[in-house]
Amino acid sequence: GWSASINAQKVSDDNYFRDLSTRIANTAQTNLPREAVLAYT
């Protein structure tokens, strides 16, 4: 029943996506998450 997950994203500066076209489309957003979860079912 126990599981864990992590989803952490970071760029060097505010203009990273505007200056550099990136193939990692799912990180091209205003708010980049840093999330850790511990779950029990």
Full PDB file with SEQRES, HELIX, SHEET, SSBOND, CRYST1, ORIGX, SCALE, CONECT and MASTER records, all heavy atoms in Angstrom:
SEQRES   1 A   41  GLY TRP SER ALA SER ILE ASN ALA GLN LYS VAL SER ASP          
SEQRES   2 A   41  ASP ASN TYR PHE ARG ASP LEU SER THR ARG ILE ALA ASN          
SEQRES   3 A   41  THR ALA GLN THR ASN LEU PRO ARG GLU ALA VAL LEU ALA          
SEQRES   4 A   41  TYR THR                                                      
HELIX    1 AA1 TYR A   16  ASP A   19  1                                   4    
HELIX    2 AA2 ALA A   25  THR A   27  5                                   3    
SHEET    1 AA1 2 TRP A   2  ALA A   8  0                                        
SHEET    2 AA1 2 ARG A  34  TYR A  40 -1                                        
CRYST1    1.000    1.000    1.000  90.00  90.00  90.00 P 1           1          
ORIGX1      1.000000  0.000000  0.000000        0.00000                         
ORIGX2      0.000000  1.000000  0.000000        0.00000                         
ORIGX3      0.000000  0.000000  1.000000        0.00000                         
SCALE1      1.000000  0.000000  0.000000        0.00000                         
SCALE2      0.000000  1.000000  0.000000        0.00000                         
SCALE3      0.000000  0.000000  1.000000        0.00000                         
ATOM      1  N   GLY A   1       0.786  -1.226   0.000  1.00  0.00           N  
ATOM      2  CA  GLY A   1       0.000   0.000   0.000  1.00  0.00           C  
ATOM      3  C   GLY A   1       0.817   1.273   0.000  1.00  0.00           C  
ATOM      4  O   GLY A   1       0.296   2.340  -0.326  1.00  0.00           O  
ATOM      5  N   TRP A   2       2.116   1.188   0.371  1.00  0.00           N  
ATOM      6  CA  TRP A   2       2.960   2.383   0.443  1.00  0.00           C  
ATOM      7  C   TRP A   2       3.633   2.644  -0.907  1.00  0.00           C  
ATOM      8  O   TRP A   2       4.112   1.729  -1.577  1.00  0.00           O  
ATOM      9  CB  TRP A   2       4.029   2.234   1.510  1.00  0.00           C  
ATOM     10  CG  TRP A   2       3.507   2.375   2.917  1.00  0.00           C  
ATOM     11  CD1 TRP A   2       3.149   1.368   3.763  1.00  0.00           C  
ATOM     12  CD2 TRP A   2       3.292   3.603   3.620  1.00  0.00           C  
ATOM     13  NE1 TRP A   2       2.708   1.875   4.962  1.00  0.00           N  
ATOM     14  CE2 TRP A   2       2.789   3.258   4.905  1.00  0.00           C  
ATOM     15  CE3 TRP A   2       3.452   4.954   3.300  1.00  0.00           C  
ATOM     16  CZ2 TRP A   2       2.458   4.220   5.860  1.00  0.00           C  
ATOM     17  CZ3 TRP A   2       3.131   5.913   4.258  1.00  0.00           C  
ATOM     18  CH2 TRP A   2       2.641   5.548   5.516  1.00  0.00           C  
ATOM     19  N   SER A   3       3.698   3.929  -1.289  1.00  0.00           N  
ATOM     20  CA  SER A   3       4.389   4.331  -2.516  1.00  0.00           C  
ATOM     21  C   SER A   3       4.902   5.758  -2.354  1.00  0.00           C  
ATOM     22  O   SER A   3       4.477   6.485  -1.444  1.00  0.00           O  
ATOM     23  CB  SER A   3       3.467   4.237  -3.729  1.00  0.00           C  
ATOM     24  OG  SER A   3       2.397   5.162  -3.610  1.00  0.00           O  
ATOM     25  N   ALA A   4       5.799   6.146  -3.249  1.00  0.00           N  
ATOM     26  CA  ALA A   4       6.364   7.497  -3.215  1.00  0.00           C  
ATOM     27  C   ALA A   4       6.604   7.963  -4.642  1.00  0.00           C  
ATOM     28  O   ALA A   4       6.804   7.154  -5.554  1.00  0.00           O  
ATOM     29  CB  ALA A   4       7.661   7.532  -2.414  1.00  0.00           C  
ATOM     30  N   SER A   5       6.611   9.274  -4.834  1.00  0.00           N  
ATOM     31  CA  SER A   5       6.887   9.841  -6.156  1.00  0.00           C  
ATOM     32  C   SER A   5       7.551  11.194  -5.997  1.00  0.00           C  
ATOM     33  O   SER A   5       7.411  11.859  -4.957  1.00  0.00           O  
ATOM     34  CB  SER A   5       5.606   9.969  -6.978  1.00  0.00           C  
ATOM     35  OG  SER A   5       4.710  10.883  -6.381  1.00  0.00           O  
ATOM     36  N   ILE A   6       8.274  11.607  -7.034  1.00  0.00           N  
ATOM     37  CA  ILE A   6       8.916  12.912  -7.060  1.00  0.00           C  
ATOM     38  C   ILE A   6       8.780  13.488  -8.467  1.00  0.00           C  
ATOM     39  O   ILE A   6       8.894  12.769  -9.458  1.00  0.00           O  
ATOM     40  CB  ILE A   6      10.398  12.818  -6.632  1.00  0.00           C  
ATOM     41  CG1 ILE A   6      11.024  14.223  -6.601  1.00  0.00           C  
ATOM     42  CG2 ILE A   6      11.177  11.898  -7.560  1.00  0.00           C  
ATOM     43  CD1 ILE A   6      12.409  14.246  -5.996  1.00  0.00           C  
ATOM     44  N   ASN A   7       8.508  14.789  -8.530  1.00  0.00           N  
ATOM     45  CA  ASN A   7       8.430  15.508  -9.800  1.00  0.00           C  
ATOM     46  C   ASN A   7       9.070  16.872  -9.566  1.00  0.00           C  
ATOM     47  O   ASN A   7       8.459  17.763  -8.967  1.00  0.00           O  
ATOM     48  CB  ASN A   7       6.990  15.654 -10.258  1.00  0.00           C  
ATOM     49  CG  ASN A   7       6.869  16.429 -11.572  1.00  0.00           C  
ATOM     50  OD1 ASN A   7       7.852  16.591 -12.286  1.00  0.00           O  
ATOM     51  ND2 ASN A   7       5.671  16.913 -11.869  1.00  0.00           N  
ATOM     52  N   ALA A   8      10.301  17.036 -10.029  1.00  0.00           N  
ATOM     53  CA  ALA A   8      11.051  18.262  -9.764  1.00  0.00           C  
ATOM     54  C   ALA A   8      11.623  18.801 -11.062  1.00  0.00           C  
ATOM     55  O   ALA A   8      12.251  18.061 -11.822  1.00  0.00           O  
ATOM     56  CB  ALA A   8      12.175  17.993  -8.769  1.00  0.00           C  
ATOM     57  N   GLN A   9      11.394  20.099 -11.316  1.00  0.00           N  
ATOM     58  CA  GLN A   9      11.866  20.744 -12.533  1.00  0.00           C  
ATOM     59  C   GLN A   9      12.486  22.093 -12.185  1.00  0.00           C  
ATOM     60  O   GLN A   9      11.997  22.798 -11.299  1.00  0.00           O  
ATOM     61  CB  GLN A   9      10.705  20.934 -13.517  1.00  0.00           C  
ATOM     62  CG  GLN A   9      10.010  19.637 -13.893  1.00  0.00           C  
ATOM     63  CD  GLN A   9       8.709  19.864 -14.629  1.00  0.00           C  
ATOM     64  OE1 GLN A   9       8.417  20.986 -15.059  1.00  0.00           O  
ATOM     65  NE2 GLN A   9       7.905  18.818 -14.760  1.00  0.00           N  
ATOM     66  N   LYS A  10      13.568  22.440 -12.898  1.00  0.00           N  
ATOM     67  CA  LYS A  10      14.245  23.702 -12.623  1.00  0.00           C  
ATOM     68  C   LYS A  10      14.947  24.189 -13.882  1.00  0.00           C  
ATOM     69  O   LYS A  10      15.506  23.388 -14.645  1.00  0.00           O  
ATOM     70  CB  LYS A  10      15.278  23.548 -11.500  1.00  0.00           C  
ATOM     71  CG  LYS A  10      16.028  24.839 -11.164  1.00  0.00           C  
ATOM     72  CD  LYS A  10      16.947  24.664  -9.988  1.00  0.00           C  
ATOM     73  CE  LYS A  10      17.757  25.947  -9.732  1.00  0.00           C  
ATOM     74  NZ  LYS A  10      16.885  27.117  -9.499  1.00  0.00           N  
ATOM     75  N   VAL A  11      14.925  25.508 -14.101  1.00  0.00           N  
ATOM     76  CA  VAL A  11      15.698  26.138 -15.166  1.00  0.00           C  
ATOM     77  C   VAL A  11      16.580  27.217 -14.556  1.00  0.00           C  
ATOM     78  O   VAL A  11      16.348  27.683 -13.426  1.00  0.00           O  
ATOM     79  CB  VAL A  11      14.792  26.738 -16.264  1.00  0.00           C  
ATOM     80  CG1 VAL A  11      14.047  25.649 -17.007  1.00  0.00           C  
ATOM     81  CG2 VAL A  11      13.830  27.757 -15.674  1.00  0.00           C  
ATOM     82  N   SER A  12      17.593  27.622 -15.299  1.00  0.00           N  
ATOM     83  CA  SER A  12      18.592  28.542 -14.763  1.00  0.00           C  
ATOM     84  C   SER A  12      18.069  29.961 -14.587  1.00  0.00           C  
ATOM     85  O   SER A  12      18.540  30.695 -13.714  1.00  0.00           O  
ATOM     86  CB  SER A  12      19.820  28.557 -15.669  1.00  0.00           C  
ATOM     87  OG  SER A  12      19.446  28.909 -17.007  1.00  0.00           O  
ATOM     88  N   ASP A  13      17.081  30.368 -15.405  1.00  0.00           N  
ATOM     89  CA  ASP A  13      16.653  31.770 -15.365  1.00  0.00           C  
ATOM     90  C   ASP A  13      15.247  31.889 -15.935  1.00  0.00           C  
ATOM     91  O   ASP A  13      14.717  30.959 -16.559  1.00  0.00           O  
ATOM     92  CB  ASP A  13      17.640  32.640 -16.140  1.00  0.00           C  
ATOM     93  CG  ASP A  13      17.831  32.161 -17.565  1.00  0.00           C  
ATOM     94  OD1 ASP A  13      17.036  32.551 -18.428  1.00  0.00           O  
ATOM     95  OD2 ASP A  13      18.759  31.355 -17.805  1.00  0.00           O  
ATOM     96  N   ASP A  14      14.660  33.069 -15.744  1.00  0.00           N  
ATOM     97  CA  ASP A  14      13.276  33.308 -16.180  1.00  0.00           C  
ATOM     98  C   ASP A  14      13.111  33.238 -17.690  1.00  0.00           C  
ATOM     99  O   ASP A  14      12.016  32.920 -18.186  1.00  0.00           O  
ATOM    100  CB  ASP A  14      12.811  34.684 -15.685  1.00  0.00           C  
ATOM    101  CG  ASP A  14      12.640  34.732 -14.172  1.00  0.00           C  
ATOM    102  OD1 ASP A  14      12.478  33.653 -13.569  1.00  0.00           O  
ATOM    103  OD2 ASP A  14      12.679  35.830 -13.594  1.00  0.00           O  
ATOM    104  N   ASN A  15      14.144  33.542 -18.458  1.00  0.00           N  
ATOM    105  CA  ASN A  15      14.017  33.632 -19.909  1.00  0.00           C  
ATOM    106  C   ASN A  15      14.413  32.349 -20.638  1.00  0.00           C  
ATOM    107  O   ASN A  15      14.563  32.367 -21.862  1.00  0.00           O  
ATOM    108  CB  ASN A  15      14.878  34.794 -20.428  1.00  0.00           C  
ATOM    109  CG  ASN A  15      14.393  36.139 -19.930  1.00  0.00           C  
ATOM    110  OD1 ASN A  15      13.187  36.394 -19.880  1.00  0.00           O  
ATOM    111  ND2 ASN A  15      15.323  37.001 -19.534  1.00  0.00           N  
ATOM    112  N   TYR A  16      14.608  31.268 -19.921  1.00  0.00           N  
ATOM    113  CA  TYR A  16      15.144  30.052 -20.541  1.00  0.00           C  
ATOM    114  C   TYR A  16      14.271  29.582 -21.710  1.00  0.00           C  
ATOM    115  O   TYR A  16      14.759  29.352 -22.822  1.00  0.00           O  
ATOM    116  CB  TYR A  16      15.273  28.934 -19.507  1.00  0.00           C  
ATOM    117  CG  TYR A  16      15.986  27.716 -20.052  1.00  0.00           C  
ATOM    118  CD1 TYR A  16      17.357  27.620 -20.008  1.00  0.00           C  
ATOM    119  CD2 TYR A  16      15.277  26.674 -20.636  1.00  0.00           C  
ATOM    120  CE1 TYR A  16      18.028  26.520 -20.525  1.00  0.00           C  
ATOM    121  CE2 TYR A  16      15.918  25.571 -21.165  1.00  0.00           C  
ATOM    122  CZ  TYR A  16      17.302  25.497 -21.096  1.00  0.00           C  
ATOM    123  OH  TYR A  16      17.954  24.412 -21.625  1.00  0.00           O  
ATOM    124  N   PHE A  17      12.977  29.432 -21.480  1.00  0.00           N  
ATOM    125  CA  PHE A  17      12.094  28.927 -22.538  1.00  0.00           C  
ATOM    126  C   PHE A  17      11.886  29.948 -23.653  1.00  0.00           C  
ATOM    127  O   PHE A  17      11.664  29.583 -24.802  1.00  0.00           O  
ATOM    128  CB  PHE A  17      10.752  28.501 -21.959  1.00  0.00           C  
ATOM    129  CG  PHE A  17      10.839  27.310 -21.048  1.00  0.00           C  
ATOM    130  CD1 PHE A  17      10.458  27.407 -19.722  1.00  0.00           C  
ATOM    131  CD2 PHE A  17      11.315  26.093 -21.500  1.00  0.00           C  
ATOM    132  CE1 PHE A  17      10.536  26.313 -18.872  1.00  0.00           C  
ATOM    133  CE2 PHE A  17      11.403  24.995 -20.660  1.00  0.00           C  
ATOM    134  CZ  PHE A  17      11.017  25.109 -19.339  1.00  0.00           C  
ATOM    135  N   ARG A  18      11.947  31.240 -23.318  1.00  0.00           N  
ATOM    136  CA  ARG A  18      11.787  32.255 -24.359  1.00  0.00           C  
ATOM    137  C   ARG A  18      13.018  32.341 -25.260  1.00  0.00           C  
ATOM    138  O   ARG A  18      12.906  32.609 -26.458  1.00  0.00           O  
ATOM    139  CB  ARG A  18      11.498  33.617 -23.718  1.00  0.00           C  
ATOM    140  CG  ARG A  18      10.085  33.739 -23.175  1.00  0.00           C  
ATOM    141  CD  ARG A  18       9.818  35.129 -22.645  1.00  0.00           C  
ATOM    142  NE  ARG A  18      10.548  35.385 -21.393  1.00  0.00           N  
ATOM    143  CZ  ARG A  18      10.070  35.073 -20.189  1.00  0.00           C  
ATOM    144  NH1 ARG A  18       8.883  34.482 -20.090  1.00  0.00           N  
ATOM    145  NH2 ARG A  18      10.762  35.322 -19.107  1.00  0.00           N  
ATOM    146  N   ASP A  19      14.204  32.101 -24.702  1.00  0.00           N  
ATOM    147  CA  ASP A  19      15.438  32.219 -25.481  1.00  0.00           C  
ATOM    148  C   ASP A  19      15.805  30.945 -26.219  1.00  0.00           C  
ATOM    149  O   ASP A  19      16.359  30.991 -27.323  1.00  0.00           O  
ATOM    150  CB  ASP A  19      16.600  32.610 -24.562  1.00  0.00           C  
ATOM    151  CG  ASP A  19      16.473  34.031 -24.040  1.00  0.00           C  
ATOM    152  OD1 ASP A  19      15.644  34.783 -24.601  1.00  0.00           O  
ATOM    153  OD2 ASP A  19      17.173  34.375 -23.078  1.00  0.00           O  
ATOM    154  N   LEU A  20      15.509  29.812 -25.593  1.00  0.00           N  
ATOM    155  CA  LEU A  20      15.983  28.528 -26.129  1.00  0.00           C  
ATOM    156  C   LEU A  20      14.792  27.633 -26.422  1.00  0.00           C  
ATOM    157  O   LEU A  20      14.061  27.244 -25.502  1.00  0.00           O  
ATOM    158  CB  LEU A  20      16.925  27.839 -25.126  1.00  0.00           C  
ATOM    159  CG  LEU A  20      18.142  28.659 -24.695  1.00  0.00           C  
ATOM    160  CD1 LEU A  20      18.869  27.960 -23.560  1.00  0.00           C  
ATOM    161  CD2 LEU A  20      19.078  28.878 -25.871  1.00  0.00           C  
ATOM    162  N   SER A  21      14.600  27.295 -27.682  1.00  0.00           N  
ATOM    163  CA  SER A  21      13.550  26.338 -28.019  1.00  0.00           C  
ATOM    164  C   SER A  21      13.941  24.990 -27.438  1.00  0.00           C  
ATOM    165  O   SER A  21      15.064  24.519 -27.627  1.00  0.00           O  
ATOM    166  CB  SER A  21      13.389  26.242 -29.539  1.00  0.00           C  
ATOM    167  OG  SER A  21      14.605  25.878 -30.146  1.00  0.00           O  
ATOM    168  N   THR A  22      13.034  24.373 -26.723  1.00  0.00           N  
ATOM    169  CA  THR A  22      13.355  23.121 -26.023  1.00  0.00           C  
ATOM    170  C   THR A  22      12.436  22.011 -26.477  1.00  0.00           C  
ATOM    171  O   THR A  22      11.282  22.239 -26.822  1.00  0.00           O  
ATOM    172  CB  THR A  22      13.255  23.298 -24.502  1.00  0.00           C  
ATOM    173  OG1 THR A  22      13.502  22.049 -23.854  1.00  0.00           O  
ATOM    174  CG2 THR A  22      11.868  23.781 -24.096  1.00  0.00           C  
ATOM    175  N   ARG A  23      12.971  20.782 -26.511  1.00  0.00           N  
ATOM    176  CA  ARG A  23      12.164  19.633 -26.870  1.00  0.00           C  
ATOM    177  C   ARG A  23      11.375  19.116 -25.679  1.00  0.00           C  
ATOM    178  O   ARG A  23      10.541  18.236 -25.807  1.00  0.00           O  
ATOM    179  CB  ARG A  23      13.062  18.511 -27.402  1.00  0.00           C  
ATOM    180  CG  ARG A  23      14.099  18.095 -26.416  1.00  0.00           C  
ATOM    181  CD  ARG A  23      15.116  17.120 -26.977  1.00  0.00           C  
ATOM    182  NE  ARG A  23      16.174  16.883 -26.025  1.00  0.00           N  
ATOM    183  CZ  ARG A  23      16.030  16.151 -24.938  1.00  0.00           C  
ATOM    184  NH1 ARG A  23      14.888  15.577 -24.684  1.00  0.00           N  
ATOM    185  NH2 ARG A  23      17.029  15.989 -24.108  1.00  0.00           N  
ATOM    186  N   ILE A  24      11.644  19.600 -24.476  1.00  0.00           N  
ATOM    187  CA  ILE A  24      10.938  19.122 -23.277  1.00  0.00           C  
ATOM    188  C   ILE A  24       9.710  20.001 -23.091  1.00  0.00           C  
ATOM    189  O   ILE A  24       9.665  20.918 -22.296  1.00  0.00           O  
ATOM    190  CB  ILE A  24      11.862  19.160 -22.043  1.00  0.00           C  
ATOM    191  CG1 ILE A  24      13.172  18.443 -22.345  1.00  0.00           C  
ATOM    192  CG2 ILE A  24      11.183  18.513 -20.853  1.00  0.00           C  
ATOM    193  CD1 ILE A  24      14.167  18.504 -21.226  1.00  0.00           C  
ATOM    194  N   ALA A  25       8.667  19.726 -23.869  1.00  0.00           N  
ATOM    195  CA  ALA A  25       7.513  20.616 -23.952  1.00  0.00           C  
ATOM    196  C   ALA A  25       6.753  20.693 -22.636  1.00  0.00           C  
ATOM    197  O   ALA A  25       6.177  21.727 -22.310  1.00  0.00           O  
ATOM    198  CB  ALA A  25       6.593  20.149 -25.077  1.00  0.00           C  
ATOM    199  N   ASN A  26       6.745  19.613 -21.852  1.00  0.00           N  
ATOM    200  CA  ASN A  26       5.921  19.617 -20.647  1.00  0.00           C  
ATOM    201  C   ASN A  26       6.512  20.489 -19.542  1.00  0.00           C  
ATOM    202  O   ASN A  26       5.903  20.660 -18.497  1.00  0.00           O  
ATOM    203  CB  ASN A  26       5.687  18.204 -20.138  1.00  0.00           C  
ATOM    204  CG  ASN A  26       6.976  17.496 -19.782  1.00  0.00           C  
ATOM    205  OD1 ASN A  26       8.062  18.010 -20.018  1.00  0.00           O  
ATOM    206  ND2 ASN A  26       6.853  16.304 -19.226  1.00  0.00           N  
ATOM    207  N   THR A  27       7.713  21.021 -19.722  1.00  0.00           N  
ATOM    208  CA  THR A  27       8.254  21.943 -18.726  1.00  0.00           C  
ATOM    209  C   THR A  27       8.124  23.397 -19.169  1.00  0.00           C  
ATOM    210  O   THR A  27       8.540  24.290 -18.446  1.00  0.00           O  
ATOM    211  CB  THR A  27       9.744  21.627 -18.458  1.00  0.00           C  
ATOM    212  OG1 THR A  27      10.472  21.795 -19.672  1.00  0.00           O  
ATOM    213  CG2 THR A  27       9.920  20.229 -17.936  1.00  0.00           C  
ATOM    214  N   ALA A  28       7.588  23.623 -20.360  1.00  0.00           N  
ATOM    215  CA  ALA A  28       7.450  24.995 -20.869  1.00  0.00           C  
ATOM    216  C   ALA A  28       6.203  25.626 -20.262  1.00  0.00           C  
ATOM    217  O   ALA A  28       5.163  25.743 -20.900  1.00  0.00           O  
ATOM    218  CB  ALA A  28       7.374  24.983 -22.390  1.00  0.00           C  
ATOM    219  N   GLN A  29       6.304  26.061 -19.021  1.00  0.00           N  
ATOM    220  CA  GLN A  29       5.184  26.626 -18.310  1.00  0.00           C  
ATOM    221  C   GLN A  29       5.716  27.688 -17.349  1.00  0.00           C  
ATOM    222  O   GLN A  29       6.921  27.790 -17.115  1.00  0.00           O  
ATOM    223  CB  GLN A  29       4.431  25.533 -17.558  1.00  0.00           C  
ATOM    224  CG  GLN A  29       5.331  24.649 -16.728  1.00  0.00           C  
ATOM    225  CD  GLN A  29       4.613  23.411 -16.225  1.00  0.00           C  
ATOM    226  OE1 GLN A  29       3.436  23.468 -15.930  1.00  0.00           O  
ATOM    227  NE2 GLN A  29       5.328  22.316 -16.126  1.00  0.00           N  
ATOM    228  N   THR A  30       4.806  28.473 -16.802  1.00  0.00           N  
ATOM    229  CA  THR A  30       5.215  29.567 -15.913  1.00  0.00           C  
ATOM    230  C   THR A  30       5.666  29.055 -14.558  1.00  0.00           C  
ATOM    231  O   THR A  30       6.649  29.552 -13.990  1.00  0.00           O  
ATOM    232  CB  THR A  30       4.056  30.559 -15.741  1.00  0.00           C  
ATOM    233  OG1 THR A  30       3.672  31.058 -17.024  1.00  0.00           O  
ATOM    234  CG2 THR A  30       4.467  31.718 -14.855  1.00  0.00           C  
ATOM    235  N   ASN A  31       4.964  28.071 -14.018  1.00  0.00           N  
ATOM    236  CA  ASN A  31       5.282  27.528 -12.695  1.00  0.00           C  
ATOM    237  C   ASN A  31       5.835  26.113 -12.839  1.00  0.00           C  
ATOM    238  O   ASN A  31       5.124  25.207 -13.274  1.00  0.00           O  
ATOM    239  CB  ASN A  31       4.041  27.522 -11.804  1.00  0.00           C  
ATOM    240  CG  ASN A  31       3.554  28.915 -11.489  1.00  0.00           C  
ATOM    241  OD1 ASN A  31       4.273  29.715 -10.908  1.00  0.00           O  
ATOM    242  ND2 ASN A  31       2.321  29.229 -11.885  1.00  0.00           N  
ATOM    243  N   LEU A  32       7.090  25.923 -12.482  1.00  0.00           N  
ATOM    244  CA  LEU A  32       7.722  24.608 -12.553  1.00  0.00           C  
ATOM    245  C   LEU A  32       7.627  23.950 -11.181  1.00  0.00           C  
ATOM    246  O   LEU A  32       8.117  24.493 -10.187  1.00  0.00           O  
ATOM    247  CB  LEU A  32       9.189  24.742 -12.967  1.00  0.00           C  
ATOM    248  CG  LEU A  32       9.460  25.502 -14.269  1.00  0.00           C  
ATOM    249  CD1 LEU A  32      10.943  25.469 -14.605  1.00  0.00           C  
ATOM    250  CD2 LEU A  32       8.636  24.921 -15.403  1.00  0.00           C  
ATOM    251  N   PRO A  33       7.011  22.760 -11.086  1.00  0.00           N  
ATOM    252  CA  PRO A  33       6.775  22.153  -9.773  1.00  0.00           C  
ATOM    253  C   PRO A  33       8.017  21.491  -9.194  1.00  0.00           C  
ATOM    254  O   PRO A  33       8.911  21.040  -9.920  1.00  0.00           O  
ATOM    255  CB  PRO A  33       5.695  21.108 -10.073  1.00  0.00           C  
ATOM    256  CG  PRO A  33       5.952  20.716 -11.498  1.00  0.00           C  
ATOM    257  CD  PRO A  33       6.426  21.977 -12.180  1.00  0.00           C  
ATOM    258  N   ARG A  34       8.055  21.444  -7.872  1.00  0.00           N  
ATOM    259  CA  ARG A  34       9.020  20.637  -7.123  1.00  0.00           C  
ATOM    260  C   ARG A  34       8.199  19.908  -6.064  1.00  0.00           C  
ATOM    261  O   ARG A  34       7.885  20.458  -5.008  1.00  0.00           O  
ATOM    262  CB  ARG A  34      10.098  21.506  -6.477  1.00  0.00           C  
ATOM    263  CG  ARG A  34      10.905  22.301  -7.496  1.00  0.00           C  
ATOM    264  CD  ARG A  34      11.808  23.317  -6.842  1.00  0.00           C  
ATOM    265  NE  ARG A  34      12.430  24.182  -7.832  1.00  0.00           N  
ATOM    266  CZ  ARG A  34      13.209  25.222  -7.530  1.00  0.00           C  
ATOM    267  NH1 ARG A  34      13.422  25.532  -6.257  1.00  0.00           N  
ATOM    268  NH2 ARG A  34      13.738  25.955  -8.485  1.00  0.00           N  
ATOM    269  N   GLU A  35       7.869  18.668  -6.386  1.00  0.00           N  
ATOM    270  CA  GLU A  35       6.871  17.948  -5.601  1.00  0.00           C  
ATOM    271  C   GLU A  35       7.412  16.600  -5.158  1.00  0.00           C  
ATOM    272  O   GLU A  35       8.053  15.887  -5.929  1.00  0.00           O  
ATOM    273  CB  GLU A  35       5.600  17.753  -6.433  1.00  0.00           C  
ATOM    274  CG  GLU A  35       4.482  17.013  -5.718  1.00  0.00           C  
ATOM    275  CD  GLU A  35       3.282  16.801  -6.618  1.00  0.00           C  
ATOM    276  OE1 GLU A  35       3.476  16.672  -7.847  1.00  0.00           O  
ATOM    277  OE2 GLU A  35       2.148  16.752  -6.109  1.00  0.00           O  
ATOM    278  N   ALA A  36       7.128  16.272  -3.894  1.00  0.00           N  
ATOM    279  CA  ALA A  36       7.444  14.950  -3.355  1.00  0.00           C  
ATOM    280  C   ALA A  36       6.208  14.435  -2.618  1.00  0.00           C  
ATOM    281  O   ALA A  36       5.586  15.177  -1.852  1.00  0.00           O  
ATOM    282  CB  ALA A  36       8.639  15.006  -2.412  1.00  0.00           C  
ATOM    283  N   VAL A  37       5.858  13.144  -2.861  1.00  0.00           N  
ATOM    284  CA  VAL A  37       4.633  12.572  -2.295  1.00  0.00           C  
ATOM    285  C   VAL A  37       4.946  11.227  -1.667  1.00  0.00           C  
ATOM    286  O   VAL A  37       5.648  10.398  -2.271  1.00  0.00           O  
ATOM    287  CB  VAL A  37       3.544  12.402  -3.378  1.00  0.00           C  
ATOM    288  CG1 VAL A  37       2.305  11.731  -2.792  1.00  0.00           C  
ATOM    289  CG2 VAL A  37       3.182  13.741  -3.993  1.00  0.00           C  
ATOM    290  N   LEU A  38       4.437  11.016  -0.472  1.00  0.00           N  
ATOM    291  CA  LEU A  38       4.452   9.705   0.185  1.00  0.00           C  
ATOM    292  C   LEU A  38       3.001   9.315   0.426  1.00  0.00           C  
ATOM    293  O   LEU A  38       2.251  10.062   1.053  1.00  0.00           O  
ATOM    294  CB  LEU A  38       5.220   9.770   1.511  1.00  0.00           C  
ATOM    295  CG  LEU A  38       5.293   8.462   2.321  1.00  0.00           C  
ATOM    296  CD1 LEU A  38       6.088   7.403   1.547  1.00  0.00           C  
ATOM    297  CD2 LEU A  38       5.919   8.710   3.685  1.00  0.00           C  
ATOM    298  N   ALA A  39       2.593   8.165  -0.104  1.00  0.00           N  
ATOM    299  CA  ALA A  39       1.171   7.804  -0.070  1.00  0.00           C  
ATOM    300  C   ALA A  39       0.998   6.402   0.494  1.00  0.00           C  
ATOM    301  O   ALA A  39       1.879   5.533   0.345  1.00  0.00           O  
ATOM    302  CB  ALA A  39       0.575   7.886  -1.468  1.00  0.00           C  
ATOM    303  N   TYR A  40      -0.170   6.213   1.135  1.00  0.00           N  
ATOM    304  CA  TYR A  40      -0.539   4.895   1.664  1.00  0.00           C  
ATOM    305  C   TYR A  40      -1.996   4.630   1.312  1.00  0.00           C  
ATOM    306  O   TYR A  40      -2.870   5.468   1.530  1.00  0.00           O  
ATOM    307  CB  TYR A  40      -0.341   4.836   3.178  1.00  0.00           C  
ATOM    308  CG  TYR A  40      -0.802   3.535   3.787  1.00  0.00           C  
ATOM    309  CD1 TYR A  40      -0.084   2.354   3.584  1.00  0.00           C  
ATOM    310  CD2 TYR A  40      -1.965   3.485   4.555  1.00  0.00           C  
ATOM    311  CE1 TYR A  40      -0.504   1.151   4.143  1.00  0.00           C  
ATOM    312  CE2 TYR A  40      -2.391   2.281   5.121  1.00  0.00           C  
ATOM    313  CZ  TYR A  40      -1.659   1.124   4.899  1.00  0.00           C  
ATOM    314  OH  TYR A  40      -2.075  -0.072   5.448  1.00  0.00           O  
ATOM    315  N   THR A  41      -2.257   3.452   0.756  1.00  0.00           N  
ATOM    316  CA  THR A  41      -3.603   3.058   0.368  1.00  0.00           C  
ATOM    317  C   THR A  41      -3.991   1.786   1.113  1.00  0.00           C  
ATOM    318  O   THR A  41      -3.216   0.815   1.140  1.00  0.00           O  
ATOM    319  CB  THR A  41      -3.683   2.808  -1.153  1.00  0.00           C  
ATOM    320  OG1 THR A  41      -3.319   4.003  -1.844  1.00  0.00           O  
ATOM    321  CG2 THR A  41      -5.092   2.408  -1.562  1.00  0.00           C  
TER     322      THR A  41                                                      
MASTER        0    0    0    2    2    0    0    6  321    1    0    4          
END                                                                             
